[in-house]
Protein backbone atom coordinates (compact mmCIF):
# COMPACT_ATOMS: atom_id res chain seq x y z
CA MET A 1 40.11 2.79 46.60
CA LYS A 2 37.39 3.71 49.03
CA ALA A 3 38.26 6.22 51.74
CA LYS A 4 37.30 3.74 54.46
CA ASP A 5 39.71 1.11 53.08
CA PHE A 6 42.46 3.68 52.64
CA PHE A 7 42.15 4.95 56.20
CA ARG A 8 42.13 1.36 57.53
CA CYS A 9 45.47 0.96 55.75
CA VAL A 10 46.61 4.14 57.46
CA ARG A 11 45.68 2.80 60.88
CA ASN A 12 47.55 -0.43 60.11
CA ALA A 13 50.50 1.62 58.83
CA GLU A 14 50.63 3.49 62.15
CA SER A 15 50.79 0.18 64.03
CA GLU A 16 53.39 -1.28 61.67
CA LEU A 17 55.46 1.89 61.91
CA LYS A 18 55.66 1.56 65.69
CA VAL A 19 56.85 -2.04 65.35
CA ILE A 20 59.42 -1.13 62.69
CA ASN A 21 60.76 1.77 64.76
CA ALA A 22 61.16 -0.54 67.76
CA LYS A 23 62.99 -3.12 65.61
CA ILE A 24 65.31 -0.48 64.15
CA GLU A 25 66.12 0.80 67.64
CA HIS A 26 66.76 -2.78 68.80
CA PHE A 27 69.12 -3.49 65.89
CA HIS A 28 70.99 -0.25 66.54
CA GLU A 29 71.42 -1.19 70.20
CA ILE A 30 72.68 -4.64 69.22
CA GLY A 31 75.14 -3.10 66.76
CA ILE A 32 76.41 -0.67 69.39
CA SER A 33 76.76 -3.35 72.06
CA PHE A 34 78.61 -5.67 69.67
CA GLY A 35 80.82 -2.79 68.61
CA SER A 36 81.57 -1.95 72.25
CA ALA A 37 82.30 -5.57 73.06
CA TYR A 38 84.60 -5.87 70.08
CA GLY A 39 86.40 -2.64 70.95
CA SER A 40 87.10 -3.80 74.50
CA ILE A 41 88.45 -7.23 73.52
CA GLY A 42 90.25 -6.17 70.35
CA SER A 43 91.09 -8.30 67.38
CA HIS A 44 93.68 -11.05 67.57
CA SER A 45 93.15 -12.40 64.07
CA LYS A 46 93.63 -10.94 60.63
CA GLY A 47 90.12 -11.85 59.39
CA THR A 48 86.70 -10.49 60.24
CA SER A 49 85.54 -11.68 63.64
CA ARG A 50 82.11 -13.09 64.45
CA VAL A 51 81.39 -10.06 66.61
CA GLU A 52 82.13 -7.74 63.69
CA LEU A 53 79.91 -9.80 61.42
CA ALA A 54 77.09 -9.76 63.98
CA ALA A 55 77.36 -5.99 64.41
CA CYS A 56 77.31 -5.46 60.63
CA GLY A 57 74.35 -7.84 60.34
CA ALA A 58 72.38 -5.84 62.91
CA VAL A 59 73.09 -2.58 61.10
CA ASP A 60 72.15 -4.13 57.73
CA ALA A 61 68.87 -5.44 59.18
CA SER A 62 67.98 -1.99 60.49
CA MET A 63 68.74 -0.44 57.10
CA ASP A 64 66.46 -2.96 55.37
CA LEU A 65 63.62 -1.79 57.62
CA GLU A 66 64.20 1.84 56.63
CA GLU A 67 62.55 1.34 53.22
CA GLN A 68 59.44 -0.13 54.82
CA ARG A 69 59.40 2.75 57.27
CA ARG A 70 59.55 5.28 54.43
CA GLU A 71 56.62 3.58 52.68
CA PHE A 72 54.48 3.65 55.81
CA MET A 73 55.41 7.27 56.46
CA ALA A 74 54.36 8.17 52.89
CA ILE A 75 50.96 6.53 53.45
CA ILE A 76 50.47 8.44 56.70
CA ALA A 77 51.59 11.72 55.10
CA ARG A 78 49.07 11.24 52.29
CA ALA A 79 46.32 10.60 54.85
CA GLU A 80 47.27 13.71 56.81
CA HIS A 81 47.20 15.72 53.56
CA ILE A 82 43.69 14.45 52.74
CA ILE A 83 42.49 15.13 56.30
CA GLN A 84 43.80 18.70 56.18
CA LYS A 85 41.75 19.38 53.05
CA ILE A 86 38.45 18.52 54.80
CA PRO A 87 36.69 21.83 55.50
CA GLN A 88 34.91 20.80 58.75
CA GLU A 89 37.21 20.82 61.75
CA LYS A 90 35.28 18.16 63.68
CA TYR A 91 35.51 15.78 60.71
CA ARG A 92 39.25 16.42 60.48
CA ARG A 93 39.67 15.75 64.18
CA ILE A 94 37.58 12.55 64.08
CA LEU A 95 39.65 11.07 61.24
CA ASP A 96 42.92 12.25 62.77
CA TYR A 97 42.11 10.91 66.24
CA HIS A 98 40.77 7.59 64.97
CA TYR A 99 43.19 6.72 62.17
CA ILE A 100 46.38 8.65 62.94
CA CYS A 101 46.27 8.55 66.75
CA GLY A 102 44.41 5.22 67.03
CA LYS A 103 41.75 6.50 69.44
CA SER A 104 38.42 4.73 69.98
CA PHE A 105 35.05 6.27 69.13
CA ARG A 106 34.25 6.40 72.84
CA TRP A 107 37.41 8.41 73.52
CA ILE A 108 36.67 10.73 70.58
CA SER A 109 33.09 11.14 71.83
CA ASP A 110 34.39 12.35 75.19
CA GLU A 111 37.10 14.54 73.67
CA LEU A 112 34.80 16.29 71.18
CA GLU A 113 31.88 16.40 73.63
CA TYR A 114 29.45 14.31 71.59
CA ASN A 115 26.41 12.87 73.37
CA ASP A 116 27.42 9.27 72.68
CA PRO A 117 29.86 7.19 70.59
CA ASN A 118 27.13 6.43 68.04
CA SER A 119 26.99 10.13 67.15
CA VAL A 120 30.73 10.08 66.56
CA TYR A 121 30.40 6.94 64.46
CA ARG A 122 27.81 8.66 62.23
CA ALA A 123 29.97 11.79 61.97
CA HIS A 124 32.90 9.49 61.14
CA GLY A 125 30.88 8.19 58.17
CA TRP A 126 30.27 11.73 56.95
CA ALA A 127 33.95 12.54 57.45
CA LEU A 128 34.86 9.55 55.28
CA GLN A 129 32.46 10.82 52.61
CA GLU A 130 34.28 14.16 52.63
CA ALA A 131 37.62 12.37 52.42
CA GLN A 132 36.30 10.30 49.50
CA LYS A 133 35.38 13.49 47.62
CA ILE A 134 38.92 14.77 48.11
CA MET A 135 40.42 11.45 47.04
CA ASN A 136 38.20 11.38 43.94
CA SER A 137 39.18 14.93 43.02
CA THR A 138 42.87 13.99 43.12
CA GLN A 139 42.51 10.90 40.90
CA PRO A 140 44.40 11.15 37.61
CA LYS A 141 42.41 11.86 34.48
CA GLY A 142 41.25 8.72 32.74
CA GLY A 143 40.65 6.78 35.97
CA GLN A 144 42.31 3.61 37.11
CA THR A 145 42.23 0.32 35.26
CA ASP A 146 42.20 -1.73 38.44
CA GLY A 147 39.68 0.39 40.36
CA HIS A 148 42.15 1.57 43.01
CA ALA A 149 43.06 5.14 43.77
CA ARG A 150 46.83 5.42 43.80
CA ASP A 151 49.47 7.57 45.32
CA HIS A 152 49.99 9.69 42.23
CA ASN A 153 53.65 10.36 42.73
CA PRO A 154 55.63 7.62 40.99
CA GLU A 155 58.72 8.93 42.79
CA SER A 156 57.15 8.20 46.18
CA PRO A 157 58.37 5.20 48.22
CA SER A 158 55.16 3.32 47.42
CA GLY A 159 55.87 3.85 43.72
CA GLY A 160 52.21 4.54 42.95
CA ARG A 161 51.19 1.00 44.00
CA PRO A 162 47.75 0.54 45.56
CA LEU A 163 47.76 0.23 49.31
CA GLU A 164 46.87 -3.18 50.64
CA ARG A 165 45.33 -3.97 53.98
CA LYS A 166 46.98 -6.58 56.14
CA ASP A 167 44.43 -8.37 58.27
CA ARG A 168 45.62 -9.48 61.69
């Protein structure tokens, strides 16, 4: 996989992670509020009440999102690892600001005191070239049959599957 495509996946993963975290928090709040409501009214029947089922459903839904969250966090961690291996600090900061923090090239231009956003965009291209070298050096021997660089840890949450970009 090309560094540019990988880091686009990272930026999407950051956005998705924010959504998932908000959903998990929402489901936890629902579970707590149902649990509080049930505790205050008590149970008058021997079976499981609808409130109990709703609370359990909210907790189950949040747990289902945990696996997705772990996958996105693994993608982001891999990106951070690649970024840290880039020798030039400005290149590291450009990739980190743009893909991990979601900042625009104009913002990065101001932050790193470049003359204009086009200079940052060019430096961003060079930073991606450096990241590509690092990604190529960590590819397993023998290459990939499908042309994608993979997360090389089969024990990772992504299971070594290629990252796919979700267009909005």
